[in-house]
């Protein structure tokens, strides 16, 4: 049973790390504010949830596991709320989303 828990924990930790790194790459590669915000908010929330779940499996049923659960619930509420607030404030600040990327064709 311990081998299964360790395997599941490592899968969650590696999967969460993948999502966090993917969000970071999206932040660097995407063209405008709104796509960057989308690329960082969704994978980072999922990645942090997976990482904390993997750490909870490693901790077992103990006080640190309860603290990690509270941190995870806090992050699940604050991450999407902060992203929504940033997007809403940028729209109120008259920042327009990039609707189409056009490349000029050289003759």
PDB file of N, CA and C in Angstrom:
ATOM      1  N   UNK A   1       0.817  -1.193   0.000  1.00  0.00           N
ATOM      2  CA  UNK A   1       0.000   0.000   0.000  1.00  0.00           C
ATOM      3  C   UNK A   1       0.862   1.259   0.000  1.00  0.00           C
ATOM      4  N   UNK A   2       1.989   1.196   0.708  1.00  0.00           N
ATOM      5  CA  UNK A   2       2.865   2.360   0.769  1.00  0.00           C
ATOM      6  C   UNK A   2       3.483   2.664  -0.596  1.00  0.00           C
ATOM      7  N   UNK A   3       3.761   1.633  -1.364  1.00  0.00           N
ATOM      8  CA  UNK A   3       4.308   1.830  -2.706  1.00  0.00           C
ATOM      9  C   UNK A   3       3.299   2.535  -3.604  1.00  0.00           C
ATOM     10  N   UNK A   4       2.025   2.165  -3.494  1.00  0.00           N
ATOM     11  CA  UNK A   4       0.974   2.815  -4.275  1.00  0.00           C
ATOM     12  C   UNK A   4       0.840   4.285  -3.897  1.00  0.00           C
ATOM     13  N   UNK A   5       0.874   4.587  -2.620  1.00  0.00           N
ATOM     14  CA  UNK A   5       0.752   5.976  -2.160  1.00  0.00           C
ATOM     15  C   UNK A   5       1.949   6.798  -2.635  1.00  0.00           C
ATOM     16  N   UNK A   6       3.147   6.215  -2.545  1.00  0.00           N
ATOM     17  CA  UNK A   6       4.332   6.926  -3.039  1.00  0.00           C
ATOM     18  C   UNK A   6       4.260   7.156  -4.548  1.00  0.00           C
ATOM     19  N   UNK A   7       3.811   6.167  -5.283  1.00  0.00           N
ATOM     20  CA  UNK A   7       3.677   6.317  -6.740  1.00  0.00           C
ATOM     21  C   UNK A   7       2.653   7.370  -7.114  1.00  0.00           C
ATOM     22  N   UNK A   8       1.496   7.337  -6.442  1.00  0.00           N
ATOM     23  CA  UNK A   8       0.465   8.340  -6.714  1.00  0.00           C
ATOM     24  C   UNK A   8       0.951   9.731  -6.338  1.00  0.00           C
ATOM     25  N   UNK A   9       1.677   9.821  -5.236  1.00  0.00           N
ATOM     26  CA  UNK A   9       2.214  11.109  -4.805  1.00  0.00           C
ATOM     27  C   UNK A   9       3.196  11.667  -5.824  1.00  0.00           C
ATOM     28  N   UNK A  10       4.085  10.835  -6.300  1.00  0.00           N
ATOM     29  CA  UNK A  10       5.062  11.293  -7.282  1.00  0.00           C
ATOM     30  C   UNK A  10       4.403  11.655  -8.604  1.00  0.00           C
ATOM     31  N   UNK A  11       3.383  10.924  -9.000  1.00  0.00           N
ATOM     32  CA  UNK A  11       2.651  11.275 -10.227  1.00  0.00           C
ATOM     33  C   UNK A  11       1.994  12.643 -10.088  1.00  0.00           C
ATOM     34  N   UNK A  12       1.385  12.901  -8.925  1.00  0.00           N
ATOM     35  CA  UNK A  12       0.768  14.207  -8.697  1.00  0.00           C
ATOM     36  C   UNK A  12       1.815  15.319  -8.657  1.00  0.00           C
ATOM     37  N   UNK A  13       2.947  15.070  -8.011  1.00  0.00           N
ATOM     38  CA  UNK A  13       3.995  16.085  -7.937  1.00  0.00           C
ATOM     39  C   UNK A  13       4.573  16.393  -9.318  1.00  0.00           C
ATOM     40  N   UNK A  14       4.839  15.361 -10.107  1.00  0.00           N
ATOM     41  CA  UNK A  14       5.383  15.579 -11.447  1.00  0.00           C
ATOM     42  C   UNK A  14       4.358  16.227 -12.376  1.00  0.00           C
ATOM     43  N   UNK A  15       3.108  15.792 -12.284  1.00  0.00           N
ATOM     44  CA  UNK A  15       2.054  16.403 -13.102  1.00  0.00           C
ATOM     45  C   UNK A  15       1.839  17.866 -12.744  1.00  0.00           C
ATOM     46  N   UNK A  16       1.823  18.167 -11.456  1.00  0.00           N
ATOM     47  CA  UNK A  16       1.675  19.554 -11.029  1.00  0.00           C
ATOM     48  C   UNK A  16       2.839  20.411 -11.468  1.00  0.00           C
ATOM     49  N   UNK A  17       4.042  19.866 -11.395  1.00  0.00           N
ATOM     50  CA  UNK A  17       5.220  20.603 -11.860  1.00  0.00           C
ATOM     51  C   UNK A  17       5.138  20.869 -13.355  1.00  0.00           C
ATOM     52  N   UNK A  18       4.659  19.895 -14.107  1.00  0.00           N
ATOM     53  CA  UNK A  18       4.484  20.084 -15.545  1.00  0.00           C
ATOM     54  C   UNK A  18       3.529  21.233 -15.834  1.00  0.00           C
ATOM     55  N   UNK A  19       2.401  21.285 -15.125  1.00  0.00           N
ATOM     56  CA  UNK A  19       1.430  22.351 -15.371  1.00  0.00           C
ATOM     57  C   UNK A  19       1.975  23.722 -14.978  1.00  0.00           C
ATOM     58  N   UNK A  20       2.724  23.789 -13.898  1.00  0.00           N
ATOM     59  CA  UNK A  20       3.300  25.066 -13.473  1.00  0.00           C
ATOM     60  C   UNK A  20       4.327  25.557 -14.495  1.00  0.00           C
ATOM     61  N   UNK A  21       5.167  24.649 -14.986  1.00  0.00           N
ATOM     62  CA  UNK A  21       6.160  25.027 -15.997  1.00  0.00           C
ATOM     63  C   UNK A  21       5.463  25.422 -17.307  1.00  0.00           C
ATOM     64  N   UNK A  22       4.407  24.708 -17.673  1.00  0.00           N
ATOM     65  CA  UNK A  22       3.653  25.051 -18.874  1.00  0.00           C
ATOM     66  C   UNK A  22       3.045  26.443 -18.755  1.00  0.00           C
ATOM     67  N   UNK A  23       2.523  26.792 -17.594  1.00  0.00           N
ATOM     68  CA  UNK A  23       1.998  28.140 -17.382  1.00  0.00           C
ATOM     69  C   UNK A  23       3.079  29.197 -17.493  1.00  0.00           C
ATOM     70  N   UNK A  24       4.272  28.889 -16.996  1.00  0.00           N
ATOM     71  CA  UNK A  24       5.382  29.834 -17.115  1.00  0.00           C
ATOM     72  C   UNK A  24       5.818  30.033 -18.555  1.00  0.00           C
ATOM     73  N   UNK A  25       5.846  28.963 -19.328  1.00  0.00           N
ATOM     74  CA  UNK A  25       6.199  29.065 -20.746  1.00  0.00           C
ATOM     75  C   UNK A  25       5.122  29.866 -21.489  1.00  0.00           C
ATOM     76  N   UNK A  26       3.861  29.634 -21.155  1.00  0.00           N
ATOM     77  CA  UNK A  26       2.778  30.402 -21.770  1.00  0.00           C
ATOM     78  C   UNK A  26       2.874  31.882 -21.445  1.00  0.00           C
ATOM     79  N   UNK A  27       3.319  32.194 -20.244  1.00  0.00           N
ATOM     80  CA  UNK A  27       3.503  33.596 -19.864  1.00  0.00           C
ATOM     81  C   UNK A  27       4.564  34.255 -20.733  1.00  0.00           C
ATOM     82  N   UNK A  28       5.594  33.530 -21.071  1.00  0.00           N
ATOM     83  CA  UNK A  28       6.673  34.100 -21.883  1.00  0.00           C
ATOM     84  C   UNK A  28       6.343  34.136 -23.373  1.00  0.00           C
ATOM     85  N   UNK A  29       5.577  33.175 -23.850  1.00  0.00           N
ATOM     86  CA  UNK A  29       5.410  33.019 -25.293  1.00  0.00           C
ATOM     87  C   UNK A  29       4.177  33.692 -25.890  1.00  0.00           C
ATOM     88  N   UNK A  30       3.135  33.914 -25.120  1.00  0.00           N
ATOM     89  CA  UNK A  30       1.894  34.406 -25.703  1.00  0.00           C
ATOM     90  C   UNK A  30       1.932  35.924 -25.906  1.00  0.00           C
ATOM     91  N   UNK A  31       1.131  36.432 -26.870  1.00  0.00           N
ATOM     92  CA  UNK A  31       1.330  37.802 -27.333  1.00  0.00           C
ATOM     93  C   UNK A  31       0.755  38.932 -26.481  1.00  0.00           C
ATOM     94  N   UNK A  32      -0.388  38.764 -25.851  1.00  0.00           N
ATOM     95  CA  UNK A  32      -0.966  39.915 -25.146  1.00  0.00           C
ATOM     96  C   UNK A  32      -1.352  39.556 -23.715  1.00  0.00           C
ATOM     97  N   UNK A  33      -1.836  40.554 -22.997  1.00  0.00           N
ATOM     98  CA  UNK A  33      -2.108  40.428 -21.568  1.00  0.00           C
ATOM     99  C   UNK A  33      -3.150  39.362 -21.272  1.00  0.00           C
ATOM    100  N   UNK A  34      -4.227  39.336 -22.022  1.00  0.00           N
ATOM    101  CA  UNK A  34      -5.329  38.427 -21.712  1.00  0.00           C
ATOM    102  C   UNK A  34      -4.964  36.967 -21.964  1.00  0.00           C
ATOM    103  N   UNK A  35      -4.236  36.687 -23.030  1.00  0.00           N
ATOM    104  CA  UNK A  35      -3.823  35.302 -23.263  1.00  0.00           C
ATOM    105  C   UNK A  35      -2.774  34.874 -22.242  1.00  0.00           C
ATOM    106  N   UNK A  36      -1.905  35.794 -21.839  1.00  0.00           N
ATOM    107  CA  UNK A  36      -0.926  35.474 -20.796  1.00  0.00           C
ATOM    108  C   UNK A  36      -1.613  35.222 -19.464  1.00  0.00           C
ATOM    109  N   UNK A  37      -2.630  36.015 -19.174  1.00  0.00           N
ATOM    110  CA  UNK A  37      -3.377  35.822 -17.931  1.00  0.00           C
ATOM    111  C   UNK A  37      -4.070  34.466 -17.933  1.00  0.00           C
ATOM    112  N   UNK A  38      -4.639  34.095 -19.072  1.00  0.00           N
ATOM    113  CA  UNK A  38      -5.305  32.797 -19.190  1.00  0.00           C
ATOM    114  C   UNK A  38      -4.293  31.659 -19.065  1.00  0.00           C
ATOM    115  N   UNK A  39      -3.120  31.849 -19.676  1.00  0.00           N
ATOM    116  CA  UNK A  39      -2.099  30.793 -19.659  1.00  0.00           C
ATOM    117  C   UNK A  39      -1.503  30.592 -18.277  1.00  0.00           C
ATOM    118  N   UNK A  40      -1.505  31.610 -17.444  1.00  0.00           N
ATOM    119  CA  UNK A  40      -0.921  31.438 -16.115  1.00  0.00           C
ATOM    120  C   UNK A  40      -1.949  31.066 -15.064  1.00  0.00           C
ATOM    121  N   UNK A  41      -3.164  31.556 -15.180  1.00  0.00           N
ATOM    122  CA  UNK A  41      -4.122  31.331 -14.093  1.00  0.00           C
ATOM    123  C   UNK A  41      -4.622  29.884 -14.038  1.00  0.00           C
ATOM    124  N   UNK A  42      -4.978  29.330 -15.154  1.00  0.00           N
ATOM    125  CA  UNK A  42      -5.571  27.989 -15.146  1.00  0.00           C
ATOM    126  C   UNK A  42      -4.539  26.900 -14.837  1.00  0.00           C
ATOM    127  N   UNK A  43      -3.400  26.847 -15.548  1.00  0.00           N
ATOM    128  CA  UNK A  43      -2.442  25.789 -15.207  1.00  0.00           C
ATOM    129  C   UNK A  43      -1.818  25.952 -13.823  1.00  0.00           C
ATOM    130  N   UNK A  44      -1.633  27.181 -13.367  1.00  0.00           N
ATOM    131  CA  UNK A  44      -1.041  27.353 -12.048  1.00  0.00           C
ATOM    132  C   UNK A  44      -1.987  26.909 -10.944  1.00  0.00           C
ATOM    133  N   UNK A  45      -3.273  27.135 -11.116  1.00  0.00           N
ATOM    134  CA  UNK A  45      -4.237  26.657 -10.115  1.00  0.00           C
ATOM    135  C   UNK A  45      -4.267  25.132 -10.101  1.00  0.00           C
ATOM    136  N   UNK A  46      -4.312  24.527 -11.264  1.00  0.00           N
ATOM    137  CA  UNK A  46      -4.317  23.063 -11.346  1.00  0.00           C
ATOM    138  C   UNK A  46      -2.998  22.487 -10.857  1.00  0.00           C
ATOM    139  N   UNK A  47      -1.887  23.103 -11.259  1.00  0.00           N
ATOM    140  CA  UNK A  47      -0.579  22.612 -10.850  1.00  0.00           C
ATOM    141  C   UNK A  47      -0.372  22.703  -9.351  1.00  0.00           C
ATOM    142  N   UNK A  48      -0.760  23.825  -8.754  1.00  0.00           N
ATOM    143  CA  UNK A  48      -0.618  23.979  -7.303  1.00  0.00           C
ATOM    144  C   UNK A  48      -1.506  22.978  -6.564  1.00  0.00           C
ATOM    145  N   UNK A  49      -2.703  22.745  -7.084  1.00  0.00           N
ATOM    146  CA  UNK A  49      -3.596  21.762  -6.462  1.00  0.00           C
ATOM    147  C   UNK A  49      -2.996  20.361  -6.522  1.00  0.00           C
ATOM    148  N   UNK A  50      -2.419  20.021  -7.657  1.00  0.00           N
ATOM    149  CA  UNK A  50      -1.814  18.694  -7.784  1.00  0.00           C
ATOM    150  C   UNK A  50      -0.582  18.551  -6.895  1.00  0.00           C
ATOM    151  N   UNK A  51       0.241  19.588  -6.827  1.00  0.00           N
ATOM    152  CA  UNK A  51       1.432  19.533  -5.979  1.00  0.00           C
ATOM    153  C   UNK A  51       1.046  19.405  -4.511  1.00  0.00           C
ATOM    154  N   UNK A  52       0.082  20.185  -4.081  1.00  0.00           N
ATOM    155  CA  UNK A  52      -0.341  20.115  -2.675  1.00  0.00           C
ATOM    156  C   UNK A  52      -0.997  18.771  -2.375  1.00  0.00           C
ATOM    157  N   UNK A  53      -1.744  18.218  -3.336  1.00  0.00           N
ATOM    158  CA  UNK A  53      -2.336  16.892  -3.127  1.00  0.00           C
ATOM    159  C   UNK A  53      -1.249  15.823  -2.988  1.00  0.00           C
ATOM    160  N   UNK A  54      -0.208  15.922  -3.802  1.00  0.00           N
ATOM    161  CA  UNK A  54       0.914  14.991  -3.677  1.00  0.00           C
ATOM    162  C   UNK A  54       1.626  15.115  -2.339  1.00  0.00           C
ATOM    163  N   UNK A  55       1.783  16.340  -1.871  1.00  0.00           N
ATOM    164  CA  UNK A  55       2.395  16.543  -0.557  1.00  0.00           C
ATOM    165  C   UNK A  55       1.501  16.014   0.564  1.00  0.00           C
ATOM    166  N   UNK A  56       0.185  16.131   0.390  1.00  0.00           N
ATOM    167  CA  UNK A  56      -0.741  15.594   1.394  1.00  0.00           C
ATOM    168  C   UNK A  56      -0.637  14.071   1.463  1.00  0.00           C
ATOM    169  N   UNK A  57      -0.466  13.431   0.307  1.00  0.00           N
ATOM    170  CA  UNK A  57      -0.302  11.980   0.318  1.00  0.00           C
ATOM    171  C   UNK A  57       0.985  11.586   1.031  1.00  0.00           C
ATOM    172  N   UNK A  58       2.039  12.358   0.850  1.00  0.00           N
ATOM    173  CA  UNK A  58       3.305  12.068   1.525  1.00  0.00           C
ATOM    174  C   UNK A  58       3.196  12.294   3.035  1.00  0.00           C
ATOM    175  N   UNK A  59       2.409  13.294   3.440  1.00  0.00           N
ATOM    176  CA  UNK A  59       2.304  13.625   4.867  1.00  0.00           C
ATOM    177  C   UNK A  59       1.413  12.646   5.623  1.00  0.00           C
ATOM    178  N   UNK A  60       0.489  11.994   4.935  1.00  0.00           N
ATOM    179  CA  UNK A  60      -0.434  11.093   5.620  1.00  0.00           C
ATOM    180  C   UNK A  60      -1.498  11.887   6.366  1.00  0.00           C
ATOM    181  N   UNK A  61      -2.219  11.194   7.258  1.00  0.00           N
ATOM    182  CA  UNK A  61      -3.252  11.872   8.043  1.00  0.00           C
ATOM    183  C   UNK A  61      -2.610  12.489   9.275  1.00  0.00           C
ATOM    184  N   UNK A  62      -2.267  13.764   9.173  1.00  0.00           N
ATOM    185  CA  UNK A  62      -1.591  14.436  10.275  1.00  0.00           C
ATOM    186  C   UNK A  62      -1.919  15.927  10.222  1.00  0.00           C
ATOM    187  N   UNK A  63      -1.369  16.662  11.148  1.00  0.00           N
ATOM    188  CA  UNK A  63      -1.609  18.101  11.198  1.00  0.00           C
ATOM    189  C   UNK A  63      -1.055  18.824   9.959  1.00  0.00           C
ATOM    190  N   UNK A  64       0.142  18.488   9.465  1.00  0.00           N
ATOM    191  CA  UNK A  64       0.593  19.139   8.230  1.00  0.00           C
ATOM    192  C   UNK A  64      -0.332  18.901   7.041  1.00  0.00           C
ATOM    193  N   UNK A  65      -0.965  17.726   6.998  1.00  0.00           N
ATOM    194  CA  UNK A  65      -1.913  17.441   5.928  1.00  0.00           C
ATOM    195  C   UNK A  65      -3.132  18.361   6.010  1.00  0.00           C
ATOM    196  N   UNK A  66      -3.596  18.632   7.207  1.00  0.00           N
ATOM    197  CA  UNK A  66      -4.712  19.563   7.391  1.00  0.00           C
ATOM    198  C   UNK A  66      -4.316  20.975   6.978  1.00  0.00           C
ATOM    199  N   UNK A  67      -3.107  21.383   7.322  1.00  0.00           N
ATOM    200  CA  UNK A  67      -2.631  22.711   6.926  1.00  0.00           C
ATOM    201  C   UNK A  67      -2.506  22.819   5.411  1.00  0.00           C
ATOM    202  N   UNK A  68      -2.013  21.753   4.771  1.00  0.00           N
ATOM    203  CA  UNK A  68      -1.926  21.752   3.315  1.00  0.00           C
ATOM    204  C   UNK A  68      -3.305  21.821   2.668  1.00  0.00           C
ATOM    205  N   UNK A  69      -4.285  21.153   3.268  1.00  0.00           N
ATOM    206  CA  UNK A  69      -5.654  21.224   2.763  1.00  0.00           C
ATOM    207  C   UNK A  69      -6.192  22.646   2.852  1.00  0.00           C
ATOM    208  N   UNK A  70      -5.935  23.322   3.962  1.00  0.00           N
ATOM    209  CA  UNK A  70      -6.390  24.705   4.103  1.00  0.00           C
ATOM    210  C   UNK A  70      -5.698  25.629   3.101  1.00  0.00           C
ATOM    211  N   UNK A  71      -4.408  25.402   2.858  1.00  0.00           N
ATOM    212  CA  UNK A  71      -3.685  26.187   1.855  1.00  0.00           C
ATOM    213  C   UNK A  71      -4.270  25.942   0.464  1.00  0.00           C
ATOM    214  N   UNK A  72      -4.598  24.695   0.167  1.00  0.00           N
ATOM    215  CA  UNK A  72      -5.158  24.363  -1.136  1.00  0.00           C
ATOM    216  C   UNK A  72      -6.524  25.024  -1.333  1.00  0.00           C
ATOM    217  N   UNK A  73      -7.367  24.993  -0.326  1.00  0.00           N
ATOM    218  CA  UNK A  73      -8.680  25.641  -0.433  1.00  0.00           C
ATOM    219  C   UNK A  73      -8.509  27.143  -0.620  1.00  0.00           C
ATOM    220  N   UNK A  74      -7.582  27.741   0.122  1.00  0.00           N
ATOM    221  CA  UNK A  74      -7.315  29.171  -0.022  1.00  0.00           C
ATOM    222  C   UNK A  74      -6.850  29.498  -1.440  1.00  0.00           C
ATOM    223  N   UNK A  75      -5.963  28.675  -1.990  1.00  0.00           N
ATOM    224  CA  UNK A  75      -5.465  28.927  -3.345  1.00  0.00           C
ATOM    225  C   UNK A  75      -6.540  28.709  -4.404  1.00  0.00           C
ATOM    226  N   UNK A  76      -7.434  27.752  -4.177  1.00  0.00           N
ATOM    227  CA  UNK A  76      -8.513  27.519  -5.137  1.00  0.00           C
ATOM    228  C   UNK A  76      -9.480  28.692  -5.207  1.00  0.00           C
ATOM    229  N   UNK A  77      -9.626  29.432  -4.104  1.00  0.00           N
ATOM    230  CA  UNK A  77     -10.496  30.604  -4.125  1.00  0.00           C
ATOM    231  C   UNK A  77      -9.769  31.853  -4.601  1.00  0.00           C
ATOM    232  N   UNK A  78      -8.532  32.052  -4.194  1.00  0.00           N
ATOM    233  CA  UNK A  78      -7.853  33.315  -4.487  1.00  0.00           C
ATOM    234  C   UNK A  78      -7.258  33.379  -5.897  1.00  0.00           C
ATOM    235  N   UNK A  79      -6.805  32.265  -6.452  1.00  0.00           N
ATOM    236  CA  UNK A  79      -6.199  32.284  -7.784  1.00  0.00           C
ATOM    237  C   UNK A  79      -7.159  32.748  -8.870  1.00  0.00           C
ATOM    238  N   UNK A  80      -8.288  32.081  -9.047  1.00  0.00           N
ATOM    239  CA  UNK A  80      -9.239  32.531 -10.066  1.00  0.00           C
ATOM    240  C   UNK A  80      -9.834  33.911  -9.765  1.00  0.00           C
ATOM    241  N   UNK A  81     -10.012  34.235  -8.490  1.00  0.00           N
ATOM    242  CA  UNK A  81     -10.541  35.552  -8.142  1.00  0.00           C
ATOM    243  C   UNK A  81      -9.562  36.654  -8.518  1.00  0.00           C
ATOM    244  N   UNK A  82      -8.284  36.448  -8.259  1.00  0.00           N
ATOM    245  CA  UNK A  82      -7.274  37.438  -8.624  1.00  0.00           C
ATOM    246  C   UNK A  82      -7.170  37.577 -10.145  1.00  0.00           C
ATOM    247  N   UNK A  83      -7.251  36.482 -10.867  1.00  0.00           N
ATOM    248  CA  UNK A  83      -7.195  36.550 -12.327  1.00  0.00           C
ATOM    249  C   UNK A  83      -8.396  37.301 -12.885  1.00  0.00           C
ATOM    250  N   UNK A  84      -9.559  37.047 -12.330  1.00  0.00           N
ATOM    251  CA  UNK A  84     -10.758  37.757 -12.766  1.00  0.00           C
ATOM    252  C   UNK A  84     -10.645  39.253 -12.466  1.00  0.00           C
ATOM    253  N   UNK A  85     -10.129  39.591 -11.296  1.00  0.00           N
ATOM    254  CA  UNK A  85      -9.976  41.005 -10.936  1.00  0.00           C
ATOM    255  C   UNK A  85      -8.979  41.700 -11.859  1.00  0.00           C
ATOM    256  N   UNK A  86      -7.879  41.027 -12.201  1.00  0.00           N
ATOM    257  CA  UNK A  86      -6.908  41.611 -13.128  1.00  0.00           C
ATOM    258  C   UNK A  86      -7.517  41.826 -14.511  1.00  0.00           C
ATOM    259  N   UNK A  87      -8.252  40.839 -15.012  1.00  0.00           N
ATOM    260  CA  UNK A  87      -8.867  40.973 -16.328  1.00  0.00           C
ATOM    261  C   UNK A  87      -9.916  42.081 -16.333  1.00  0.00           C
ATOM    262  N   UNK A  88     -10.719  42.156 -15.285  1.00  0.00           N
ATOM    263  CA  UNK A  88     -11.761  43.176 -15.211  1.00  0.00           C
ATOM    264  C   UNK A  88     -11.156  44.579 -15.112  1.00  0.00           C
ATOM    265  N   UNK A  89     -10.109  44.729 -14.309  1.00  0.00           N
ATOM    266  CA  UNK A  89      -9.500  46.049 -14.164  1.00  0.00           C
ATOM    267  C   UNK A  89      -8.786  46.472 -15.445  1.00  0.00           C
ATOM    268  N   UNK A  90      -8.218  45.528 -16.175  1.00  0.00           N
ATOM    269  CA  UNK A  90      -7.578  45.902 -17.434  1.00  0.00           C
ATOM    270  C   UNK A  90      -8.614  46.301 -18.483  1.00  0.00           C
ATOM    271  N   UNK A  91      -9.782  45.667 -18.466  1.00  0.00           N
ATOM    272  CA  UNK A  91     -10.849  46.092 -19.372  1.00  0.00           C
ATOM    273  C   UNK A  91     -11.376  47.474 -19.004  1.00  0.00           C
ATOM    274  N   UNK A  92     -11.491  47.751 -17.714  1.00  0.00           N
ATOM    275  CA  UNK A  92     -11.917  49.082 -17.285  1.00  0.00           C
ATOM    276  C   UNK A  92     -10.851  50.128 -17.586  1.00  0.00           C
ATOM    277  N   UNK A  93      -9.602  49.703 -17.665  1.00  0.00           N
ATOM    278  CA  UNK A  93      -8.505  50.603 -18.023  1.00  0.00           C
ATOM    279  C   UNK A  93      -8.339  50.752 -19.522  1.00  0.00           C
ATOM    280  N   UNK A  94      -9.301  50.258 -20.293  1.00  0.00           N
ATOM    281  CA  UNK A  94      -9.356  50.382 -21.750  1.00  0.00           C
ATOM    282  C   UNK A  94      -8.229  49.643 -22.452  1.00  0.00           C
ATOM    283  N   UNK A  95      -7.802  48.529 -21.894  1.00  0.00           N
ATOM    284  CA  UNK A  95      -6.852  47.651 -22.573  1.00  0.00           C
ATOM    285  C   UNK A  95      -7.658  46.688 -23.432  1.00  0.00           C
ATOM    286  N   UNK A  96      -7.431  46.751 -24.722  1.00  0.00           N
ATOM    287  CA  UNK A  96      -8.201  45.922 -25.649  1.00  0.00           C
ATOM    288  C   UNK A  96      -7.494  44.593 -25.891  1.00  0.00           C
ATOM    289  N   UNK A  97      -8.255  43.502 -25.964  1.00  0.00           N
ATOM    290  CA  UNK A  97      -7.637  42.207 -26.270  1.00  0.00           C
ATOM    291  C   UNK A  97      -7.167  42.153 -27.722  1.00  0.00           C
ATOM    292  N   UNK A  98      -6.105  41.421 -27.946  1.00  0.00           N
ATOM    293  CA  UNK A  98      -5.598  41.201 -29.290  1.00  0.00           C
ATOM    294  C   UNK A  98      -6.502  40.176 -29.955  1.00  0.00           C
ATOM    295  N   UNK A  99      -7.219  40.600 -30.992  1.00  0.00           N
ATOM    296  CA  UNK A  99      -8.194  39.717 -31.616  1.00  0.00           C
ATOM    297  C   UNK A  99      -7.601  38.861 -32.722  1.00  0.00           C
ATOM    298  N   UNK A 100      -6.601  39.387 -33.409  1.00  0.00           N
ATOM    299  CA  UNK A 100      -6.044  38.642 -34.515  1.00  0.00           C
ATOM    300  C   UNK A 100      -4.580  39.041 -34.684  1.00  0.00           C
ATOM    301  N   UNK A 101      -3.750  38.055 -34.873  1.00  0.00           N
ATOM    302  CA  UNK A 101      -2.347  38.321 -35.151  1.00  0.00           C
ATOM    303  C   UNK A 101      -2.176  38.274 -36.659  1.00  0.00           C
ATOM    304  N   UNK A 102      -1.726  39.383 -37.226  1.00  0.00           N
ATOM    305  CA  UNK A 102      -1.518  39.414 -38.668  1.00  0.00           C
ATOM    306  C   UNK A 102      -0.038  39.541 -38.960  1.00  0.00           C
ATOM    307  N   UNK A 103       0.415  38.793 -39.908  1.00  0.00           N
ATOM    308  CA  UNK A 103       1.797  38.867 -40.340  1.00  0.00           C
ATOM    309  C   UNK A 103       1.823  39.442 -41.749  1.00  0.00           C
ATOM    310  N   UNK A 104       2.721  40.384 -41.934  1.00  0.00           N
ATOM    311  CA  UNK A 104       2.855  40.941 -43.268  1.00  0.00           C
ATOM    312  C   UNK A 104       3.680  39.994 -44.125  1.00  0.00           C
ATOM    313  N   UNK A 105       3.198  39.803 -45.329  1.00  0.00           N
ATOM    314  CA  UNK A 105       3.883  38.926 -46.271  1.00  0.00           C
ATOM    315  C   UNK A 105       4.851  39.777 -47.080  1.00  0.00           C
ATOM    316  N   UNK A 106       6.101  39.410 -47.018  1.00  0.00           N
ATOM    317  CA  UNK A 106       7.109  40.164 -47.763  1.00  0.00           C
ATOM    318  C   UNK A 106       7.112  39.706 -49.208  1.00  0.00           C
ATOM    319  N   UNK A 107       7.212  40.674 -50.143  1.00  0.00           N
ATOM    320  CA  UNK A 107       7.212  40.278 -51.575  1.00  0.00           C
ATOM    321  C   UNK A 107       8.495  39.607 -51.995  1.00  0.00           C
TER     322      UNK A 107
END
